[in-house]
């Protein structure tokens, strides 16, 4: 194997050395991990170019050819993503934009992998060391060039924007790297593909471009502290926090602290911190905290207490630092909660006042509620019998008529009159008459169903609405009511013997309980009342103590 075959492997080895150098000389962070994948993908191309020339089997040669170009497609897409991160152009991180950037690379990679009808590459002399590229290759190259132009556009946007000089230096290094890769890639295509018939193969152009771009990255990383800036930012964040932070090793010696710790303690790195000396155990809460701090160092401990100086109320939180389930130190935070405590105390005081006022308002509200209940009951019930009044019955019937328009149901009304009630008043007096009315109502209510409505119609007349009731059932209910009232013996003061009465009843059965239009409900109900009143009149005319049933 000649020297030309080893050039790509040497380029791969140089990239690997640069990779080792970067990760041996800087602290590993999340940004380093991103660069790790990016740098590793840069190593794949030169390795595959070398591997193609070291194997004799065409299948393996084709595998390395495809792997190289798939890596190139994904590498240039990843390059754009890395360019966006380094340049800080977050407006390009929208999902739709990233999909548009990566989809062409994915589709071109699929074309390379599938190589349909050898449209990507064809062997020469039975192998792929020398090969002929097809239309998929040129599509792949076009996509690479477009991605390079997109990267240049993102760099241009970053350079003309208001960026710090340090960021612009990084962007310029990115620009040099992209130009290096693009120029050497185009030279490789021109000399080794387009002019293949006229010139000998010159290996390593694309690999050299990748190495040069990687060198630009390394220079930028060290000169502009691209990765170290994360550590600097961490320290700045710690120093600007309002909490006092103290980091101890497993021997309780100070490893690090921030500036906010000064009001609580004057410590230097290497000093030994003693919680017992800082927080003397003068209360039960402090003693419990110190016991947990000493006896159970692997657990978190916290306390709110008055600072030993007596002018601050502080919150102390101690937490272990665990590495592989082994405690290697502690972090202790100190927070000034004096103002918070004052606000809490003031809030508690205000809450007590508000609670007393609320209790007073609740009492007034309960009184108003009970008053409203009484007023509502007075508005819908008869004051003598405590059953519903005619106004309430009319409202309910109008509502029933309206709701029954879509689902009509049979219903019934029973109009009741106490027979010879005037004779009761004349013989025993009006007070006795009131007792007879109330006693009769009690019998009626006891026998009616929960859904039925009993209302005083006027004087000694009462009306019952029976929803969802056929004529036969309504007449049966009326007979039960008539018999029960007749059997009811009422004892009245100053009357020697019990008093009993009979009732006359008109029953109206309604097969289709609905009005023609909602506005006709009132007139429709008046017609129903007239009909049931006629039935009652007929019962009284026929001798009383009887039932007359009509249908509508």
Protein backbone atom coordinates (compact mmCIF):
# COMPACT_ATOMS: atom_id res chain seq x y z
CA UNK A 1 0.00 0.00 0.00
CA UNK A 2 1.48 3.36 -1.09
CA UNK A 3 1.90 6.50 0.98
CA UNK A 4 -1.27 8.06 -0.50
CA UNK A 5 -3.39 5.39 1.14
CA UNK A 6 -2.15 6.43 4.60
CA UNK A 7 -2.81 10.16 4.25
CA UNK A 8 -6.48 9.93 5.32
CA UNK A 9 -5.55 7.73 8.29
CA UNK A 10 -2.93 10.26 9.40
CA UNK A 11 -5.54 13.04 9.16
CA UNK A 12 -7.88 10.91 11.30
CA UNK A 13 -5.07 10.39 13.83
CA UNK A 14 -4.39 14.16 13.98
CA UNK A 15 -8.10 14.77 14.67
CA UNK A 16 -8.01 12.15 17.41
CA UNK A 17 -4.98 13.83 19.04
CA UNK A 18 -6.78 17.18 18.96
CA UNK A 19 -9.79 15.51 20.50
CA UNK A 20 -7.68 14.07 23.35
CA UNK A 21 -5.97 17.42 23.90
CA UNK A 22 -9.26 19.34 24.24
CA UNK A 23 -10.83 16.96 26.71
CA UNK A 24 -7.66 16.56 28.75
CA UNK A 25 -7.12 20.28 29.17
CA UNK A 26 -10.58 21.65 29.97
CA UNK A 27 -13.38 20.83 32.39
CA UNK A 28 -16.12 18.63 30.97
CA UNK A 29 -19.52 20.35 30.82
CA UNK A 30 -22.67 19.87 28.77
CA UNK A 31 -21.24 22.08 26.05
CA UNK A 32 -18.17 19.84 25.94
CA UNK A 33 -20.40 16.85 25.37
CA UNK A 34 -21.96 18.56 22.36
CA UNK A 35 -18.55 19.24 20.95
CA UNK A 36 -17.52 15.65 21.71
CA UNK A 37 -20.11 14.24 19.31
CA UNK A 38 -19.33 16.90 16.73
CA UNK A 39 -15.57 16.32 16.85
CA UNK A 40 -15.97 12.55 16.79
CA UNK A 41 -18.10 12.76 13.64
CA UNK A 42 -15.28 14.75 12.01
CA UNK A 43 -12.97 11.78 12.59
CA UNK A 44 -15.23 9.33 10.75
CA UNK A 45 -14.59 10.68 7.23
CA UNK A 46 -10.79 10.30 7.11
CA UNK A 47 -11.01 6.93 8.84
CA UNK A 48 -13.51 5.62 6.27
CA UNK A 49 -11.34 6.94 3.40
CA UNK A 50 -8.42 5.00 4.83
CA UNK A 51 -10.48 1.87 5.49
CA UNK A 52 -11.73 1.72 1.88
CA UNK A 53 -8.17 1.16 0.70
CA UNK A 54 -7.28 -1.42 3.34
CA UNK A 55 -9.98 -4.01 2.59
CA UNK A 56 -10.26 -6.15 -0.52
CA UNK A 57 -13.89 -7.21 -0.32
CA UNK A 58 -16.14 -4.90 -2.41
CA UNK A 59 -18.92 -5.26 0.18
CA UNK A 60 -16.74 -3.74 2.90
CA UNK A 61 -15.38 -1.10 0.54
CA UNK A 62 -18.96 -0.06 -0.33
CA UNK A 63 -19.83 0.01 3.37
CA UNK A 64 -17.02 2.47 4.13
CA UNK A 65 -17.93 4.62 1.11
CA UNK A 66 -21.54 4.88 2.31
CA UNK A 67 -20.48 5.48 5.93
CA UNK A 68 -18.20 8.34 4.84
CA UNK A 69 -20.90 10.14 2.87
CA UNK A 70 -23.62 9.56 5.49
CA UNK A 71 -21.22 11.02 8.06
CA UNK A 72 -20.58 13.98 5.76
CA UNK A 73 -24.33 14.67 5.42
CA UNK A 74 -24.95 14.51 9.16
CA UNK A 75 -21.71 16.37 9.92
CA UNK A 76 -22.65 19.41 7.86
CA UNK A 77 -26.16 19.45 9.42
CA UNK A 78 -24.60 19.19 12.87
CA UNK A 79 -22.20 21.96 11.88
CA UNK A 80 -25.17 24.28 11.28
CA UNK A 81 -26.64 23.38 14.68
CA UNK A 82 -23.28 24.03 16.37
CA UNK A 83 -22.95 27.33 14.47
CA UNK A 84 -26.34 28.43 15.85
CA UNK A 85 -25.30 27.59 19.42
CA UNK A 86 -21.90 29.29 19.24
CA UNK A 87 -23.24 32.41 17.51
CA UNK A 88 -26.18 32.73 19.90
CA UNK A 89 -28.73 33.00 17.08
CA UNK A 90 -31.53 31.27 18.99
CA UNK A 91 -34.16 32.43 16.48
CA UNK A 92 -32.94 29.63 14.19
CA UNK A 93 -33.68 26.96 16.84
CA UNK A 94 -37.38 26.79 15.96
CA UNK A 95 -38.60 23.27 15.28
CA UNK A 96 -39.72 23.96 11.69
CA UNK A 97 -36.35 25.48 10.78
CA UNK A 98 -34.38 22.58 12.30
CA UNK A 99 -36.59 20.05 10.48
CA UNK A 100 -35.96 21.86 7.17
CA UNK A 101 -32.22 21.75 7.89
CA UNK A 102 -31.97 18.09 8.88
CA UNK A 103 -34.54 16.50 6.53
CA UNK A 104 -32.43 16.97 3.35
CA UNK A 105 -29.45 15.37 5.14
CA UNK A 106 -31.61 12.44 6.24
CA UNK A 107 -33.06 11.88 2.76
CA UNK A 108 -29.68 12.15 1.05
CA UNK A 109 -28.27 9.70 3.60
CA UNK A 110 -31.09 7.26 2.79
CA UNK A 111 -30.25 7.59 -0.90
CA UNK A 112 -26.59 6.87 -0.15
CA UNK A 113 -27.43 3.84 2.02
CA UNK A 114 -29.94 2.31 -0.41
CA UNK A 115 -27.92 3.15 -3.57
CA UNK A 116 -30.88 2.27 -5.87
CA UNK A 117 -29.77 1.09 -9.33
CA UNK A 118 -26.27 2.21 -8.32
CA UNK A 119 -27.37 5.83 -8.70
CA UNK A 120 -25.04 6.83 -5.88
CA UNK A 121 -21.87 4.91 -6.72
CA UNK A 122 -20.75 2.16 -9.10
CA UNK A 123 -17.65 0.02 -8.77
CA UNK A 124 -14.72 0.12 -11.17
CA UNK A 125 -12.93 -3.15 -11.90
CA UNK A 126 -15.12 -4.94 -9.35
CA UNK A 127 -14.15 -2.72 -6.39
CA UNK A 128 -14.85 0.67 -4.88
CA UNK A 129 -11.30 1.98 -4.39
CA UNK A 130 -11.91 3.55 -7.76
CA UNK A 131 -15.57 4.33 -8.33
CA UNK A 132 -18.02 6.21 -10.51
CA UNK A 133 -20.52 8.53 -8.84
CA UNK A 134 -24.13 8.85 -9.95
CA UNK A 135 -26.89 11.46 -9.58
CA UNK A 136 -27.48 10.77 -5.86
CA UNK A 137 -23.84 11.73 -5.23
CA UNK A 138 -24.37 15.08 -6.93
CA UNK A 139 -27.61 15.62 -4.99
CA UNK A 140 -25.65 14.85 -1.83
CA UNK A 141 -22.94 17.33 -2.76
CA UNK A 142 -25.55 19.97 -3.63
CA UNK A 143 -27.14 19.56 -0.21
CA UNK A 144 -23.72 19.89 1.43
CA UNK A 145 -23.07 23.11 -0.46
CA UNK A 146 -26.53 24.48 0.45
CA UNK A 147 -25.90 23.67 4.10
CA UNK A 148 -22.56 25.47 3.89
CA UNK A 149 -24.33 28.52 2.44
CA UNK A 150 -26.91 28.38 5.24
CA UNK A 151 -24.08 28.30 7.79
CA UNK A 152 -22.50 31.32 6.10
CA UNK A 153 -25.84 33.15 6.27
CA UNK A 154 -26.21 32.42 10.01
CA UNK A 155 -22.64 33.66 10.54
CA UNK A 156 -23.42 36.81 8.54
CA UNK A 157 -26.53 37.50 10.69
CA UNK A 158 -24.44 37.01 13.84
CA UNK A 159 -21.64 39.31 12.65
CA UNK A 160 -23.97 42.20 11.74
CA UNK A 161 -25.93 41.85 15.01
CA UNK A 162 -25.00 43.50 18.29
CA UNK A 163 -22.63 40.85 19.67
CA UNK A 164 -19.69 41.14 22.05
CA UNK A 165 -16.21 41.17 20.44
CA UNK A 166 -15.41 37.82 22.08
CA UNK A 167 -18.43 36.21 20.42
CA UNK A 168 -17.54 37.75 17.06
CA UNK A 169 -14.01 36.30 17.32
CA UNK A 170 -15.56 32.86 17.83
CA UNK A 171 -17.86 33.41 14.85
CA UNK A 172 -14.93 34.42 12.65
CA UNK A 173 -13.15 31.19 13.55
CA UNK A 174 -16.31 29.30 12.60
CA UNK A 175 -16.32 31.16 9.28
CA UNK A 176 -12.70 30.19 8.57
CA UNK A 177 -13.47 26.56 9.42
CA UNK A 178 -16.49 26.41 7.11
CA UNK A 179 -14.57 28.05 4.30
CA UNK A 180 -11.71 25.58 4.76
CA UNK A 181 -14.00 22.55 4.59
CA UNK A 182 -15.98 23.92 1.65
CA UNK A 183 -12.90 24.89 -0.39
CA UNK A 184 -11.10 21.57 0.15
CA UNK A 185 -14.33 19.61 -0.52
CA UNK A 186 -14.86 21.44 -3.82
CA UNK A 187 -11.19 20.89 -4.74
CA UNK A 188 -11.55 17.19 -3.96
CA UNK A 189 -14.63 16.96 -6.21
CA UNK A 190 -13.01 18.99 -9.00
CA UNK A 191 -9.66 17.16 -9.07
CA UNK A 192 -10.70 13.63 -8.10
CA UNK A 193 -14.20 13.38 -9.60
CA UNK A 194 -14.72 15.90 -12.42
CA UNK A 195 -11.12 15.72 -13.75
CA UNK A 196 -10.64 12.06 -12.80
CA UNK A 197 -10.00 11.06 -16.41
CA UNK A 198 -7.25 13.64 -16.84
CA UNK A 199 -5.42 13.77 -13.50
CA UNK A 200 -4.12 11.15 -11.06
CA UNK A 201 -6.04 10.76 -7.79
CA UNK A 202 -4.86 13.20 -5.10
CA UNK A 203 -6.05 11.82 -1.73
CA UNK A 204 -6.85 13.62 1.51
CA UNK A 205 -8.33 16.94 0.33
CA UNK A 206 -11.61 16.73 2.26
CA UNK A 207 -9.88 15.18 5.30
CA UNK A 208 -7.35 18.03 5.32
CA UNK A 209 -10.19 20.59 5.19
CA UNK A 210 -11.86 18.93 8.18
CA UNK A 211 -8.57 18.96 10.13
CA UNK A 212 -7.98 22.65 9.37
CA UNK A 213 -11.50 23.54 10.53
CA UNK A 214 -10.96 21.51 13.72
CA UNK A 215 -7.71 23.43 14.36
CA UNK A 216 -9.67 26.69 14.11
CA UNK A 217 -12.05 25.30 16.71
CA UNK A 218 -9.23 24.39 19.09
CA UNK A 219 -7.68 27.85 18.76
CA UNK A 220 -11.05 29.48 19.49
CA UNK A 221 -11.75 27.25 22.48
CA UNK A 222 -8.50 28.22 24.19
CA UNK A 223 -8.15 31.82 23.15
CA UNK A 224 -11.75 32.87 23.85
CA UNK A 225 -12.41 30.42 26.73
CA UNK A 226 -15.53 29.07 24.99
CA UNK A 227 -15.86 26.23 27.49
CA UNK A 228 -14.30 27.84 30.57
CA UNK A 229 -16.88 30.63 30.40
CA UNK A 230 -19.37 28.16 31.88
CA UNK A 231 -17.27 27.79 35.04
CA UNK A 232 -16.87 31.56 35.26
CA UNK A 233 -20.63 31.98 34.89
CA UNK A 234 -21.22 29.46 37.67
CA UNK A 235 -19.03 31.45 40.06
CA UNK A 236 -20.71 34.72 39.08
CA UNK A 237 -24.12 33.18 39.74
CA UNK A 238 -23.03 31.92 43.17
CA UNK A 239 -21.62 35.31 44.14
CA UNK A 240 -24.77 37.17 43.07
CA UNK A 241 -27.15 34.91 45.00
CA UNK A 242 -28.89 36.35 48.05
CA UNK A 243 -28.28 33.16 50.02
CA UNK A 244 -25.05 32.64 51.91
CA UNK A 245 -23.48 29.43 50.56
CA UNK A 246 -20.85 27.39 52.41
CA UNK A 247 -19.26 24.25 50.93
CA UNK A 248 -17.50 21.90 53.37
CA UNK A 249 -15.45 18.75 52.82
CA UNK A 250 -16.00 15.55 54.81
CA UNK A 251 -13.79 16.98 57.62
CA UNK A 252 -15.99 20.09 57.95
CA UNK A 253 -13.31 22.33 56.41
CA UNK A 254 -14.33 25.21 54.19
CA UNK A 255 -13.85 24.49 50.48
CA UNK A 256 -15.78 27.41 49.01
CA UNK A 257 -18.13 30.18 50.04
CA UNK A 258 -19.81 33.15 48.36
CA UNK A 259 -19.90 36.85 49.17
CA UNK A 260 -23.42 36.69 50.64
CA UNK A 261 -22.02 34.64 53.57
CA UNK A 262 -20.27 37.66 55.11
CA UNK A 263 -23.15 38.84 57.37
CA UNK A 264 -23.34 35.39 58.98
CA UNK A 265 -19.72 34.32 59.39
CA UNK A 266 -16.16 35.44 58.61
CA UNK A 267 -14.56 32.30 57.17
CA UNK A 268 -11.72 31.58 54.78
CA UNK A 269 -11.06 28.47 52.64
CA UNK A 270 -9.38 25.85 54.81
CA UNK A 271 -11.00 27.04 58.08
CA UNK A 272 -12.83 24.44 60.12
CA UNK A 273 -16.53 25.18 60.50
CA UNK A 274 -18.24 24.17 63.74
CA UNK A 275 -22.02 24.36 63.71
CA UNK A 276 -22.15 24.07 67.54
CA UNK A 277 -20.02 27.20 67.92
CA UNK A 278 -21.98 29.09 65.27
CA UNK A 279 -25.36 28.10 66.68
CA UNK A 280 -25.29 27.51 70.47
CA UNK A 281 -28.01 25.08 71.59
CA UNK A 282 -30.16 27.47 73.61
CA UNK A 283 -33.59 26.17 72.50
CA UNK A 284 -35.12 22.73 71.95
CA UNK A 285 -35.42 23.35 68.20
CA UNK A 286 -31.70 24.24 67.93
CA UNK A 287 -30.70 21.21 70.01
CA UNK A 288 -32.76 18.89 67.75
CA UNK A 289 -31.18 20.47 64.67
CA UNK A 290 -27.64 20.03 66.08
CA UNK A 291 -28.36 16.40 67.01
CA UNK A 292 -29.50 15.65 63.46
CA UNK A 293 -26.57 17.59 62.01
CA UNK A 294 -24.07 15.54 64.05
CA UNK A 295 -25.70 12.12 64.24
CA UNK A 296 -27.24 11.86 60.75
CA UNK A 297 -24.88 13.71 58.39
CA UNK A 298 -26.23 11.83 55.33
CA UNK A 299 -29.64 13.48 55.76
CA UNK A 300 -30.79 17.04 55.11
CA UNK A 301 -31.37 19.25 58.15
CA UNK A 302 -32.95 22.69 58.35
CA UNK A 303 -34.00 25.20 60.97
CA UNK A 304 -35.33 28.74 61.29
CA UNK A 305 -33.98 30.63 64.27
CA UNK A 306 -32.62 33.91 65.57
CA UNK A 307 -29.02 34.61 64.61
CA UNK A 308 -26.64 34.47 67.61
CA UNK A 309 -25.97 38.16 67.01
CA UNK A 310 -29.64 38.78 67.81
CA UNK A 311 -30.40 41.09 64.88
CA UNK A 312 -31.31 38.61 62.12
CA UNK A 313 -33.81 35.80 61.79
CA UNK A 314 -32.19 33.19 59.55
CA UNK A 315 -33.03 29.93 57.81
CA UNK A 316 -30.22 27.33 57.77
CA UNK A 317 -30.31 24.36 55.38
CA UNK A 318 -27.61 21.67 55.46
CA UNK A 319 -27.47 18.99 52.73
CA UNK A 320 -24.90 16.23 52.09
CA UNK A 321 -22.79 16.08 48.93
CA UNK A 322 -22.98 12.47 47.73
CA UNK A 323 -20.69 10.80 45.19
CA UNK A 324 -21.44 7.13 44.42
CA UNK A 325 -23.53 6.92 47.62
CA UNK A 326 -20.59 8.18 49.71
CA UNK A 327 -20.73 11.53 51.51
CA UNK A 328 -17.80 13.71 50.50
CA UNK A 329 -18.93 16.96 52.09
CA UNK A 330 -21.81 19.30 52.81
CA UNK A 331 -23.43 22.42 51.44
CA UNK A 332 -24.93 24.83 53.98
CA UNK A 333 -27.11 27.76 52.93
CA UNK A 334 -27.95 30.76 55.11
CA UNK A 335 -30.96 32.92 54.24
CA UNK A 336 -32.03 36.13 55.94
CA UNK A 337 -35.76 35.75 56.56
CA UNK A 338 -36.14 38.65 59.00
CA UNK A 339 -38.38 40.63 56.67
CA UNK A 340 -40.25 37.49 55.67
CA UNK A 341 -40.81 36.64 59.33
CA UNK A 342 -42.08 40.15 60.03
CA UNK A 343 -44.46 39.91 57.10
CA UNK A 344 -45.66 36.47 58.26
CA UNK A 345 -46.31 37.77 61.79
CA UNK A 346 -48.12 40.79 60.41
CA UNK A 347 -50.11 38.57 58.05
CA UNK A 348 -51.06 36.25 60.90
CA UNK A 349 -52.27 39.23 62.90
CA UNK A 350 -54.31 40.50 59.97
CA UNK A 351 -55.66 36.98 59.41
CA UNK A 352 -56.84 36.85 63.02
CA UNK A 353 -58.68 40.14 62.55
CA UNK A 354 -60.15 38.96 59.26
CA UNK A 355 -61.19 35.67 60.83
CA UNK A 356 -63.09 37.48 63.56
CA UNK A 357 -64.76 39.68 60.95
CA UNK A 358 -65.57 36.63 58.81
CA UNK A 359 -67.17 34.88 61.76
CA UNK A 360 -69.32 37.94 62.36
CA UNK A 361 -70.24 38.13 58.66
CA UNK A 362 -71.03 34.40 58.61
CA UNK A 363 -73.38 34.88 61.55
CA UNK A 364 -75.12 37.77 59.79
CA UNK A 365 -75.24 35.73 56.59
CA UNK A 366 -76.85 32.80 58.42
CA UNK A 367 -79.48 35.12 59.90
CA UNK A 368 -80.19 36.57 56.45
CA UNK A 369 -80.41 33.07 55.03
CA UNK A 370 -82.94 31.99 57.63
CA UNK A 371 -84.93 35.18 57.08
CA UNK A 372 -84.93 34.61 53.32
CA UNK A 373 -86.08 31.04 53.84
CA UNK A 374 -88.97 32.25 55.95
CA UNK A 375 -89.88 34.94 53.39
CA UNK A 376 -89.67 32.43 50.55
CA UNK A 377 -91.84 29.99 52.44
CA UNK A 378 -94.35 32.73 53.23
CA UNK A 379 -94.48 33.64 49.53
CA UNK A 380 -95.33 30.13 48.34
CA UNK A 381 -97.30 28.57 51.23
CA UNK A 382 -100.65 29.07 52.85
CA UNK A 383 -100.27 30.55 56.32
CA UNK A 384 -103.05 28.45 57.88
CA UNK A 385 -102.41 24.96 56.47
CA UNK A 386 -98.70 25.25 55.58
CA UNK A 387 -99.39 23.66 52.20
CA UNK A 388 -98.64 25.46 48.92
CA UNK A 389 -100.74 28.43 47.80
CA UNK A 390 -102.49 28.88 44.46
CA UNK A 391 -99.79 31.25 43.14
CA UNK A 392 -97.05 28.63 43.62
CA UNK A 393 -99.18 25.93 41.99
CA UNK A 394 -99.83 28.14 38.98
CA UNK A 395 -96.08 28.83 38.56
CA UNK A 396 -95.25 25.13 38.75
CA UNK A 397 -97.98 24.19 36.29
CA UNK A 398 -96.80 26.84 33.78
CA UNK A 399 -93.30 25.39 34.06
CA UNK A 400 -94.65 21.86 33.59
CA UNK A 401 -96.65 22.92 30.52
CA UNK A 402 -93.54 24.46 28.93
CA UNK A 403 -91.30 21.45 29.67
CA UNK A 404 -93.93 18.95 28.48
CA UNK A 405 -93.93 20.37 24.95
CA UNK A 406 -91.10 18.02 23.91
CA UNK A 407 -92.04 15.03 26.11
CA UNK A 408 -95.82 15.19 26.82
CA UNK A 409 -97.00 12.98 29.69
CA UNK A 410 -100.49 12.25 31.06
CA UNK A 411 -101.37 14.24 34.17
CA UNK A 412 -104.35 14.80 36.44
CA UNK A 413 -105.87 17.46 38.70
CA UNK A 414 -108.17 16.92 41.68
CA UNK A 415 -110.21 19.85 42.98
CA UNK A 416 -111.53 19.23 46.53
CA UNK A 417 -114.24 21.01 48.51
CA UNK A 418 -115.08 20.27 52.16
CA UNK A 419 -118.79 19.46 52.26
CA UNK A 420 -121.07 21.74 54.32
CA UNK A 421 -118.07 23.65 55.72
CA UNK A 422 -120.26 26.71 56.41
CA UNK A 423 -122.33 24.59 58.81
CA UNK A 424 -119.15 23.66 60.72
CA UNK A 425 -118.28 27.33 61.14
CA UNK A 426 -121.80 28.23 62.16
CA UNK A 427 -122.09 25.37 64.69
CA UNK A 428 -118.62 25.28 66.23
CA UNK A 429 -117.11 28.65 65.36
CA UNK A 430 -114.37 29.83 62.96
CA UNK A 431 -111.51 28.56 65.13
CA UNK A 432 -112.99 25.08 64.99
CA UNK A 433 -113.40 25.53 61.23
CA UNK A 434 -109.69 26.32 60.89
CA UNK A 435 -108.86 23.15 62.85
CA UNK A 436 -111.08 21.09 60.54
CA UNK A 437 -109.30 22.55 57.47
CA UNK A 438 -105.85 21.79 58.95
CA UNK A 439 -106.88 18.26 60.00
CA UNK A 440 -108.20 17.55 56.50
CA UNK A 441 -104.94 18.81 54.93
CA UNK A 442 -102.90 16.54 57.19
CA UNK A 443 -104.83 13.50 55.96
CA UNK A 444 -104.38 14.54 52.31
CA UNK A 445 -100.63 15.18 52.67
CA UNK A 446 -100.10 11.85 54.42
CA UNK A 447 -101.54 9.90 51.46
CA UNK A 448 -100.07 11.87 48.55
CA UNK A 449 -96.88 10.95 46.75
CA UNK A 450 -93.69 12.99 47.01
CA UNK A 451 -94.04 14.32 43.45
CA UNK A 452 -97.69 15.42 43.93
CA UNK A 453 -98.48 19.06 44.70
CA UNK A 454 -101.21 20.04 47.17
CA UNK A 455 -102.28 23.69 47.23
CA UNK A 456 -105.06 25.68 48.86
CA UNK A 457 -107.34 26.87 46.07
CA UNK A 458 -109.41 29.20 48.22
CA UNK A 459 -111.48 29.00 51.42
CA UNK A 460 -112.28 25.32 52.00
CA UNK A 461 -111.22 24.29 48.47
CA UNK A 462 -107.93 22.53 47.69
CA UNK A 463 -106.38 21.39 44.44
CA UNK A 464 -103.95 18.52 43.84
CA UNK A 465 -101.69 18.18 40.78
CA UNK A 466 -100.70 14.57 39.95
CA UNK A 467 -97.88 14.58 37.34
CA UNK A 468 -97.42 11.51 35.13
CA UNK A 469 -100.72 9.96 36.26
CA UNK A 470 -103.27 8.15 34.08
CA UNK A 471 -107.04 8.59 34.62
CA UNK A 472 -107.48 5.21 36.32
CA UNK A 473 -104.69 5.89 38.83
CA UNK A 474 -105.96 9.41 39.49
CA UNK A 475 -109.48 8.15 40.30
CA UNK A 476 -108.00 5.47 42.60
CA UNK A 477 -106.00 8.12 44.48
CA UNK A 478 -109.13 10.29 44.76
CA UNK A 479 -111.11 7.38 46.29
CA UNK A 480 -108.32 6.77 48.87
CA UNK A 481 -108.33 10.44 49.81
CA UNK A 482 -112.14 10.61 50.09
CA UNK A 483 -112.29 7.52 52.32
CA UNK A 484 -109.44 8.69 54.54
CA UNK A 485 -111.00 12.11 55.09
CA UNK A 486 -114.38 10.60 55.92
CA UNK A 487 -112.76 8.25 58.44
CA UNK A 488 -110.80 11.03 60.11
CA UNK A 489 -112.16 11.95 63.55
CA UNK A 490 -110.93 15.31 64.81
CA UNK A 491 -111.01 16.27 68.48
CA UNK A 492 -111.78 19.94 69.08
CA UNK A 493 -111.66 21.76 72.38
CA UNK A 494 -115.05 22.58 73.94
CA UNK A 495 -116.75 20.11 71.54
CA UNK A 496 -118.14 17.01 73.23
CA UNK A 497 -117.77 14.53 70.38
CA UNK A 498 -115.18 14.19 67.57
CA UNK A 499 -115.91 16.05 64.36
CA UNK A 500 -115.66 14.45 60.91
CA UNK A 501 -116.30 15.83 57.43
CA UNK A 502 -116.65 14.57 53.89
CA UNK A 503 -115.27 16.00 50.66
CA UNK A 504 -116.51 16.35 47.12
CA UNK A 505 -113.93 15.88 44.37
CA UNK A 506 -113.64 16.77 40.70
CA UNK A 507 -111.00 14.78 38.82
CA UNK A 508 -109.61 16.05 35.52
CA UNK A 509 -107.47 13.63 33.51
CA UNK A 510 -105.20 15.28 30.96
CA UNK A 511 -103.86 12.95 28.27
CA UNK A 512 -101.60 15.55 26.59
CA UNK A 513 -100.40 18.12 29.13
CA UNK A 514 -99.06 20.90 26.89
CA UNK A 515 -100.12 24.21 25.40
CA UNK A 516 -99.98 25.14 21.73
CA UNK A 517 -97.37 27.87 22.28
CA UNK A 518 -95.33 28.86 25.40
CA UNK A 519 -97.20 32.18 25.57
CA UNK A 520 -100.52 30.26 25.72
CA UNK A 521 -99.63 28.48 29.00
CA UNK A 522 -101.60 30.84 31.26
CA UNK A 523 -104.76 30.69 29.13
CA UNK A 524 -104.37 26.91 28.81
CA UNK A 525 -104.21 26.52 32.61
CA UNK A 526 -107.29 28.70 33.08
CA UNK A 527 -109.17 26.33 30.77
CA UNK A 528 -107.99 23.38 32.85
CA UNK A 529 -109.07 25.05 36.12
CA UNK A 530 -112.52 25.75 34.61
CA UNK A 531 -112.84 22.13 33.51
CA UNK A 532 -111.94 20.66 36.90
CA UNK A 533 -114.15 23.24 38.61
CA UNK A 534 -117.10 22.04 36.51
CA UNK A 535 -116.36 18.46 37.56
CA UNK A 536 -116.37 19.51 41.23
CA UNK A 537 -119.63 21.40 40.73
CA UNK A 538 -121.14 18.30 39.23
CA UNK A 539 -120.03 16.23 42.27
CA UNK A 540 -121.62 18.73 44.65
CA UNK A 541 -124.77 18.91 42.51
CA UNK A 542 -125.10 15.12 42.61
CA UNK A 543 -125.28 15.04 46.40
CA UNK A 544 -121.68 15.70 47.63
CA UNK A 545 -119.26 13.16 49.19
CA UNK A 546 -118.58 11.77 45.75
CA UNK A 547 -116.14 11.92 42.82
CA UNK A 548 -116.84 13.13 39.29
CA UNK A 549 -114.12 12.38 36.75
CA UNK A 550 -113.76 14.09 33.38
CA UNK A 551 -111.16 13.79 30.65
CA UNK A 552 -109.52 16.40 28.46
